[in-house]
């Protein structure tokens, strides 16, 4: 992909929070849309790919342009001069959220998130934790005020899911919406069904 198409370059970070299936399905969906995915996986994220999905990072790497470890601080992604359109951290652990909130960029995922904020690029964080402490909430407030979109992994049911993957795809579609990537991964809300009344008879 040449330099004129950097708007299709999207970074995905996968960290050690439960719900790694969201990151897996997001990467696949972006690849299906022809996006150039740069994937960063933390060590705990790699463990969860195995624990929750029974796969190794190589099985996800086939959908990415390049895969980085979270310690690869020499990556071009760590510089604001390297162009990319947006970043999603899916799932985002509370540790990663805290690092981004505090500007602690000693790992690649929080560093690239910092680049997004300072360069005014789209940053979507998908925390997966419950219940939330006051510290968690304050960190979410902090990154939101800095320009990030906080999109907690909260499934919806108005689309009448019939399977677990329906729930996953619904939420991945919501992430794609925030990344401004057109998608048809879920049935969109069209209002409550109209109830018949006496004038209809």
C-alpha atoms as a PDB file:
ATOM      1  CA  UNK A   1       0.000   0.000   0.000  1.00  0.00           C
ATOM      2  CA  UNK A   2       1.538   3.325  -1.051  1.00  0.00           C
ATOM      3  CA  UNK A   3       1.823   6.480   0.989  1.00  0.00           C
ATOM      4  CA  UNK A   4      -1.288   7.951  -0.590  1.00  0.00           C
ATOM      5  CA  UNK A   5      -3.448   5.291   1.021  1.00  0.00           C
ATOM      6  CA  UNK A   6      -2.418   5.733   4.634  1.00  0.00           C
ATOM      7  CA  UNK A   7      -6.030   6.645   5.465  1.00  0.00           C
ATOM      8  CA  UNK A   8      -6.744   2.910   5.218  1.00  0.00           C
ATOM      9  CA  UNK A   9      -4.033   2.078   7.760  1.00  0.00           C
ATOM     10  CA  UNK A  10      -5.530   1.161  11.129  1.00  0.00           C
ATOM     11  CA  UNK A  11      -3.716   0.028  14.271  1.00  0.00           C
ATOM     12  CA  UNK A  12      -5.297  -2.582  16.542  1.00  0.00           C
ATOM     13  CA  UNK A  13      -3.930  -3.298  20.005  1.00  0.00           C
ATOM     14  CA  UNK A  14      -4.881  -6.466  21.871  1.00  0.00           C
ATOM     15  CA  UNK A  15      -4.148  -6.545  25.601  1.00  0.00           C
ATOM     16  CA  UNK A  16      -4.687  -8.938  28.472  1.00  0.00           C
ATOM     17  CA  UNK A  17      -8.339  -8.306  29.268  1.00  0.00           C
ATOM     18  CA  UNK A  18     -10.994 -10.951  28.797  1.00  0.00           C
ATOM     19  CA  UNK A  19     -12.935 -10.562  25.556  1.00  0.00           C
ATOM     20  CA  UNK A  20     -10.097 -11.094  23.092  1.00  0.00           C
ATOM     21  CA  UNK A  21     -12.691 -12.392  20.616  1.00  0.00           C
ATOM     22  CA  UNK A  22     -13.660  -8.767  19.974  1.00  0.00           C
ATOM     23  CA  UNK A  23     -10.119  -7.955  18.863  1.00  0.00           C
ATOM     24  CA  UNK A  24      -9.902 -11.111  16.768  1.00  0.00           C
ATOM     25  CA  UNK A  25     -13.151 -10.420  14.924  1.00  0.00           C
ATOM     26  CA  UNK A  26     -12.270  -6.732  14.487  1.00  0.00           C
ATOM     27  CA  UNK A  27      -8.980  -7.563  12.779  1.00  0.00           C
ATOM     28  CA  UNK A  28     -10.739 -10.001  10.460  1.00  0.00           C
ATOM     29  CA  UNK A  29     -13.457  -7.479   9.632  1.00  0.00           C
ATOM     30  CA  UNK A  30     -10.932  -4.744   8.867  1.00  0.00           C
ATOM     31  CA  UNK A  31      -8.990  -7.072   6.589  1.00  0.00           C
ATOM     32  CA  UNK A  32     -12.222  -8.001   4.804  1.00  0.00           C
ATOM     33  CA  UNK A  33     -12.790  -4.278   4.206  1.00  0.00           C
ATOM     34  CA  UNK A  34      -9.375  -3.937   2.599  1.00  0.00           C
ATOM     35  CA  UNK A  35      -7.830  -2.020   5.478  1.00  0.00           C
ATOM     36  CA  UNK A  36      -4.118  -2.225   6.223  1.00  0.00           C
ATOM     37  CA  UNK A  37      -4.053  -3.567   9.764  1.00  0.00           C
ATOM     38  CA  UNK A  38      -1.030  -3.061  11.994  1.00  0.00           C
ATOM     39  CA  UNK A  39      -1.482  -5.342  14.976  1.00  0.00           C
ATOM     40  CA  UNK A  40       0.137  -5.001  18.408  1.00  0.00           C
ATOM     41  CA  UNK A  41      -0.356  -7.877  20.855  1.00  0.00           C
ATOM     42  CA  UNK A  42       0.832  -7.741  24.459  1.00  0.00           C
ATOM     43  CA  UNK A  43       2.150 -10.888  26.142  1.00  0.00           C
ATOM     44  CA  UNK A  44      -1.045 -11.269  28.232  1.00  0.00           C
ATOM     45  CA  UNK A  45      -3.021 -10.734  25.030  1.00  0.00           C
ATOM     46  CA  UNK A  46      -1.164 -13.635  23.422  1.00  0.00           C
ATOM     47  CA  UNK A  47      -2.005 -15.817  26.407  1.00  0.00           C
ATOM     48  CA  UNK A  48      -5.687 -14.944  26.131  1.00  0.00           C
ATOM     49  CA  UNK A  49      -5.767 -15.753  22.422  1.00  0.00           C
ATOM     50  CA  UNK A  50      -4.742 -19.248  23.437  1.00  0.00           C
ATOM     51  CA  UNK A  51      -6.900 -19.464  26.574  1.00  0.00           C
ATOM     52  CA  UNK A  52     -10.143 -18.008  25.237  1.00  0.00           C
ATOM     53  CA  UNK A  53      -9.980 -18.843  21.516  1.00  0.00           C
ATOM     54  CA  UNK A  54      -7.505 -21.701  21.329  1.00  0.00           C
ATOM     55  CA  UNK A  55      -5.379 -19.978  18.681  1.00  0.00           C
ATOM     56  CA  UNK A  56      -1.858 -18.622  18.470  1.00  0.00           C
ATOM     57  CA  UNK A  57      -0.968 -15.127  17.231  1.00  0.00           C
ATOM     58  CA  UNK A  58       0.173 -16.542  13.901  1.00  0.00           C
ATOM     59  CA  UNK A  59      -3.413 -17.452  13.060  1.00  0.00           C
ATOM     60  CA  UNK A  60      -4.399 -13.813  13.500  1.00  0.00           C
ATOM     61  CA  UNK A  61      -1.276 -12.440  11.828  1.00  0.00           C
ATOM     62  CA  UNK A  62      -2.511 -13.623   8.420  1.00  0.00           C
ATOM     63  CA  UNK A  63      -5.079 -10.797   8.494  1.00  0.00           C
ATOM     64  CA  UNK A  64      -2.528  -8.091   9.348  1.00  0.00           C
ATOM     65  CA  UNK A  65       0.054  -6.210   7.337  1.00  0.00           C
ATOM     66  CA  UNK A  66       2.435  -6.497  10.263  1.00  0.00           C
ATOM     67  CA  UNK A  67       2.402  -7.729  13.859  1.00  0.00           C
ATOM     68  CA  UNK A  68       4.383  -6.100  16.672  1.00  0.00           C
ATOM     69  CA  UNK A  69       5.157  -7.071  20.228  1.00  0.00           C
ATOM     70  CA  UNK A  70       4.270  -4.588  22.939  1.00  0.00           C
ATOM     71  CA  UNK A  71       7.974  -4.091  23.696  1.00  0.00           C
ATOM     72  CA  UNK A  72       8.903  -3.049  20.126  1.00  0.00           C
ATOM     73  CA  UNK A  73       9.361   0.615  20.938  1.00  0.00           C
ATOM     74  CA  UNK A  74      11.434   1.073  17.773  1.00  0.00           C
ATOM     75  CA  UNK A  75       8.334   0.460  15.664  1.00  0.00           C
ATOM     76  CA  UNK A  76       7.485   3.215  13.159  1.00  0.00           C
ATOM     77  CA  UNK A  77       4.079   3.391  14.840  1.00  0.00           C
ATOM     78  CA  UNK A  78       5.692   5.024  17.873  1.00  0.00           C
ATOM     79  CA  UNK A  79       6.411   8.206  15.903  1.00  0.00           C
ATOM     80  CA  UNK A  80       3.885  10.884  15.055  1.00  0.00           C
ATOM     81  CA  UNK A  81       5.551  11.223  11.660  1.00  0.00           C
ATOM     82  CA  UNK A  82       4.337   7.751  10.636  1.00  0.00           C
ATOM     83  CA  UNK A  83       0.864   8.185   9.158  1.00  0.00           C
ATOM     84  CA  UNK A  84      -2.094   6.017  10.070  1.00  0.00           C
ATOM     85  CA  UNK A  85      -5.789   6.783  10.261  1.00  0.00           C
ATOM     86  CA  UNK A  86      -6.855   5.494  13.679  1.00  0.00           C
ATOM     87  CA  UNK A  87      -6.290   3.014  16.492  1.00  0.00           C
ATOM     88  CA  UNK A  88      -8.504   0.683  18.512  1.00  0.00           C
ATOM     89  CA  UNK A  89      -7.384  -1.123  21.666  1.00  0.00           C
ATOM     90  CA  UNK A  90      -9.642  -4.181  21.860  1.00  0.00           C
ATOM     91  CA  UNK A  91      -9.890  -5.335  24.576  1.00  0.00           C
ATOM     92  CA  UNK A  92      -8.231  -2.660  26.681  1.00  0.00           C
ATOM     93  CA  UNK A  93      -7.045  -3.828  30.093  1.00  0.00           C
ATOM     94  CA  UNK A  94      -7.328  -1.514  33.078  1.00  0.00           C
ATOM     95  CA  UNK A  95      -3.533  -1.475  33.245  1.00  0.00           C
ATOM     96  CA  UNK A  96      -3.319  -0.220  29.657  1.00  0.00           C
ATOM     97  CA  UNK A  97      -6.091   2.307  30.274  1.00  0.00           C
ATOM     98  CA  UNK A  98      -4.212   3.623  33.306  1.00  0.00           C
ATOM     99  CA  UNK A  99      -0.978   3.890  31.303  1.00  0.00           C
ATOM    100  CA  UNK A 100      -2.707   5.851  28.533  1.00  0.00           C
ATOM    101  CA  UNK A 101      -4.443   8.097  31.060  1.00  0.00           C
ATOM    102  CA  UNK A 102      -1.152   8.842  32.829  1.00  0.00           C
ATOM    103  CA  UNK A 103       0.889   9.281  29.641  1.00  0.00           C
ATOM    104  CA  UNK A 104       3.064   6.331  30.657  1.00  0.00           C
ATOM    105  CA  UNK A 105       4.268   5.214  27.240  1.00  0.00           C
ATOM    106  CA  UNK A 106       6.922   2.646  28.123  1.00  0.00           C
ATOM    107  CA  UNK A 107       5.106   0.020  26.005  1.00  0.00           C
ATOM    108  CA  UNK A 108       4.109   0.229  22.366  1.00  0.00           C
ATOM    109  CA  UNK A 109       0.310   0.134  22.794  1.00  0.00           C
ATOM    110  CA  UNK A 110       0.127   3.115  25.184  1.00  0.00           C
ATOM    111  CA  UNK A 111       2.771   4.924  23.123  1.00  0.00           C
ATOM    112  CA  UNK A 112       0.756   4.588  19.906  1.00  0.00           C
ATOM    113  CA  UNK A 113      -2.339   5.677  21.813  1.00  0.00           C
ATOM    114  CA  UNK A 114      -0.375   8.725  22.956  1.00  0.00           C
ATOM    115  CA  UNK A 115       0.541   9.424  19.323  1.00  0.00           C
ATOM    116  CA  UNK A 116      -3.153   9.301  18.408  1.00  0.00           C
ATOM    117  CA  UNK A 117      -4.046  11.810  21.093  1.00  0.00           C
ATOM    118  CA  UNK A 118      -1.277  14.265  20.339  1.00  0.00           C
ATOM    119  CA  UNK A 119      -1.771  14.054  16.563  1.00  0.00           C
ATOM    120  CA  UNK A 120      -5.581  14.279  16.938  1.00  0.00           C
ATOM    121  CA  UNK A 121      -6.185  10.893  15.357  1.00  0.00           C
ATOM    122  CA  UNK A 122      -9.104   8.639  16.206  1.00  0.00           C
ATOM    123  CA  UNK A 123      -8.504   6.472  19.303  1.00  0.00           C
ATOM    124  CA  UNK A 124     -11.095   3.914  20.419  1.00  0.00           C
ATOM    125  CA  UNK A 125     -10.591   2.117  23.737  1.00  0.00           C
ATOM    126  CA  UNK A 126     -12.679  -0.949  24.563  1.00  0.00           C
ATOM    127  CA  UNK A 127     -12.328  -1.657  28.291  1.00  0.00           C
ATOM    128  CA  UNK A 128     -13.611  -4.992  29.583  1.00  0.00           C
ATOM    129  CA  UNK A 129     -13.916  -5.013  33.349  1.00  0.00           C
ATOM    130  CA  UNK A 130     -16.702  -5.193  35.902  1.00  0.00           C
ATOM    131  CA  UNK A 131     -17.463  -3.775  38.375  1.00  0.00           C
ATOM    132  CA  UNK A 132     -15.637  -0.492  37.842  1.00  0.00           C
ATOM    133  CA  UNK A 133     -13.735   1.267  40.602  1.00  0.00           C
ATOM    134  CA  UNK A 134     -13.522   5.022  40.987  1.00  0.00           C
ATOM    135  CA  UNK A 135      -9.961   4.835  39.634  1.00  0.00           C
ATOM    136  CA  UNK A 136     -11.217   3.073  36.497  1.00  0.00           C
ATOM    137  CA  UNK A 137     -13.918   5.708  36.004  1.00  0.00           C
ATOM    138  CA  UNK A 138     -11.488   8.575  36.503  1.00  0.00           C
ATOM    139  CA  UNK A 139      -9.095   7.072  33.981  1.00  0.00           C
ATOM    140  CA  UNK A 140     -11.962   6.766  31.493  1.00  0.00           C
ATOM    141  CA  UNK A 141     -12.883  10.392  32.119  1.00  0.00           C
ATOM    142  CA  UNK A 142      -9.264  11.448  31.636  1.00  0.00           C
ATOM    143  CA  UNK A 143      -8.791   9.735  28.268  1.00  0.00           C
ATOM    144  CA  UNK A 144     -12.199  10.934  27.079  1.00  0.00           C
ATOM    145  CA  UNK A 145     -11.284  14.525  27.877  1.00  0.00           C
ATOM    146  CA  UNK A 146      -8.010  13.996  25.999  1.00  0.00           C
ATOM    147  CA  UNK A 147      -9.936  12.975  22.882  1.00  0.00           C
ATOM    148  CA  UNK A 148     -10.358   9.192  23.014  1.00  0.00           C
ATOM    149  CA  UNK A 149     -13.620   7.318  22.544  1.00  0.00           C
ATOM    150  CA  UNK A 150     -14.327   4.937  25.423  1.00  0.00           C
ATOM    151  CA  UNK A 151     -16.518   2.088  24.173  1.00  0.00           C
ATOM    152  CA  UNK A 152     -17.024  -0.448  26.977  1.00  0.00           C
ATOM    153  CA  UNK A 153     -17.725  -4.006  25.880  1.00  0.00           C
ATOM    154  CA  UNK A 154     -21.435  -3.957  26.690  1.00  0.00           C
ATOM    155  CA  UNK A 155     -23.555  -6.169  24.435  1.00  0.00           C
ATOM    156  CA  UNK A 156     -26.942  -5.007  23.207  1.00  0.00           C
ATOM    157  CA  UNK A 157     -29.953  -7.216  22.616  1.00  0.00           C
ATOM    158  CA  UNK A 158     -32.332  -5.091  20.527  1.00  0.00           C
ATOM    159  CA  UNK A 159     -31.022  -6.805  17.379  1.00  0.00           C
ATOM    160  CA  UNK A 160     -32.353 -10.109  18.753  1.00  0.00           C
ATOM    161  CA  UNK A 161     -29.111 -12.128  18.718  1.00  0.00           C
ATOM    162  CA  UNK A 162     -29.472 -15.865  18.190  1.00  0.00           C
ATOM    163  CA  UNK A 163     -25.894 -16.813  19.058  1.00  0.00           C
ATOM    164  CA  UNK A 164     -22.793 -15.638  20.856  1.00  0.00           C
ATOM    165  CA  UNK A 165     -21.190 -14.611  17.566  1.00  0.00           C
ATOM    166  CA  UNK A 166     -24.218 -12.400  16.835  1.00  0.00           C
ATOM    167  CA  UNK A 167     -23.459 -10.515  20.057  1.00  0.00           C
ATOM    168  CA  UNK A 168     -19.770 -10.253  19.139  1.00  0.00           C
ATOM    169  CA  UNK A 169     -20.496  -9.019  15.618  1.00  0.00           C
ATOM    170  CA  UNK A 170     -22.942  -6.434  16.929  1.00  0.00           C
ATOM    171  CA  UNK A 171     -20.262  -4.956  19.151  1.00  0.00           C
ATOM    172  CA  UNK A 172     -17.528  -5.192  16.511  1.00  0.00           C
ATOM    173  CA  UNK A 173     -19.857  -3.293  14.198  1.00  0.00           C
ATOM    174  CA  UNK A 174     -20.101  -0.561  16.830  1.00  0.00           C
ATOM    175  CA  UNK A 175     -16.294  -0.357  16.952  1.00  0.00           C
ATOM    176  CA  UNK A 176     -16.150  -0.114  13.156  1.00  0.00           C
ATOM    177  CA  UNK A 177     -18.685   2.713  13.307  1.00  0.00           C
ATOM    178  CA  UNK A 178     -16.386   4.638  15.646  1.00  0.00           C
ATOM    179  CA  UNK A 179     -13.450   3.963  13.309  1.00  0.00           C
ATOM    180  CA  UNK A 180     -15.625   5.347  10.497  1.00  0.00           C
ATOM    181  CA  UNK A 181     -15.528   2.079   8.578  1.00  0.00           C
ATOM    182  CA  UNK A 182     -18.772   1.223   6.804  1.00  0.00           C
ATOM    183  CA  UNK A 183     -20.142  -2.159   7.793  1.00  0.00           C
ATOM    184  CA  UNK A 184     -23.251  -4.308   7.925  1.00  0.00           C
ATOM    185  CA  UNK A 185     -22.232  -6.532  10.813  1.00  0.00           C
ATOM    186  CA  UNK A 186     -25.459  -6.052  12.747  1.00  0.00           C
ATOM    187  CA  UNK A 187     -29.089  -5.100  12.360  1.00  0.00           C
ATOM    188  CA  UNK A 188     -29.399  -1.426  13.181  1.00  0.00           C
ATOM    189  CA  UNK A 189     -32.050   0.068  15.428  1.00  0.00           C
ATOM    190  CA  UNK A 190     -35.111   1.152  13.475  1.00  0.00           C
ATOM    191  CA  UNK A 191     -37.402   2.008  16.352  1.00  0.00           C
ATOM    192  CA  UNK A 192     -39.925   0.023  18.322  1.00  0.00           C
ATOM    193  CA  UNK A 193     -42.454  -2.029  16.351  1.00  0.00           C
ATOM    194  CA  UNK A 194     -45.595  -0.016  15.705  1.00  0.00           C
ATOM    195  CA  UNK A 195     -48.507  -1.276  17.722  1.00  0.00           C
ATOM    196  CA  UNK A 196     -51.830  -1.619  15.892  1.00  0.00           C
ATOM    197  CA  UNK A 197     -54.619   0.587  17.234  1.00  0.00           C
ATOM    198  CA  UNK A 198     -58.301   0.952  16.528  1.00  0.00           C
ATOM    199  CA  UNK A 199     -57.676   3.225  13.531  1.00  0.00           C
ATOM    200  CA  UNK A 200     -55.891   0.348  11.784  1.00  0.00           C
ATOM    201  CA  UNK A 201     -58.927  -1.936  11.918  1.00  0.00           C
END
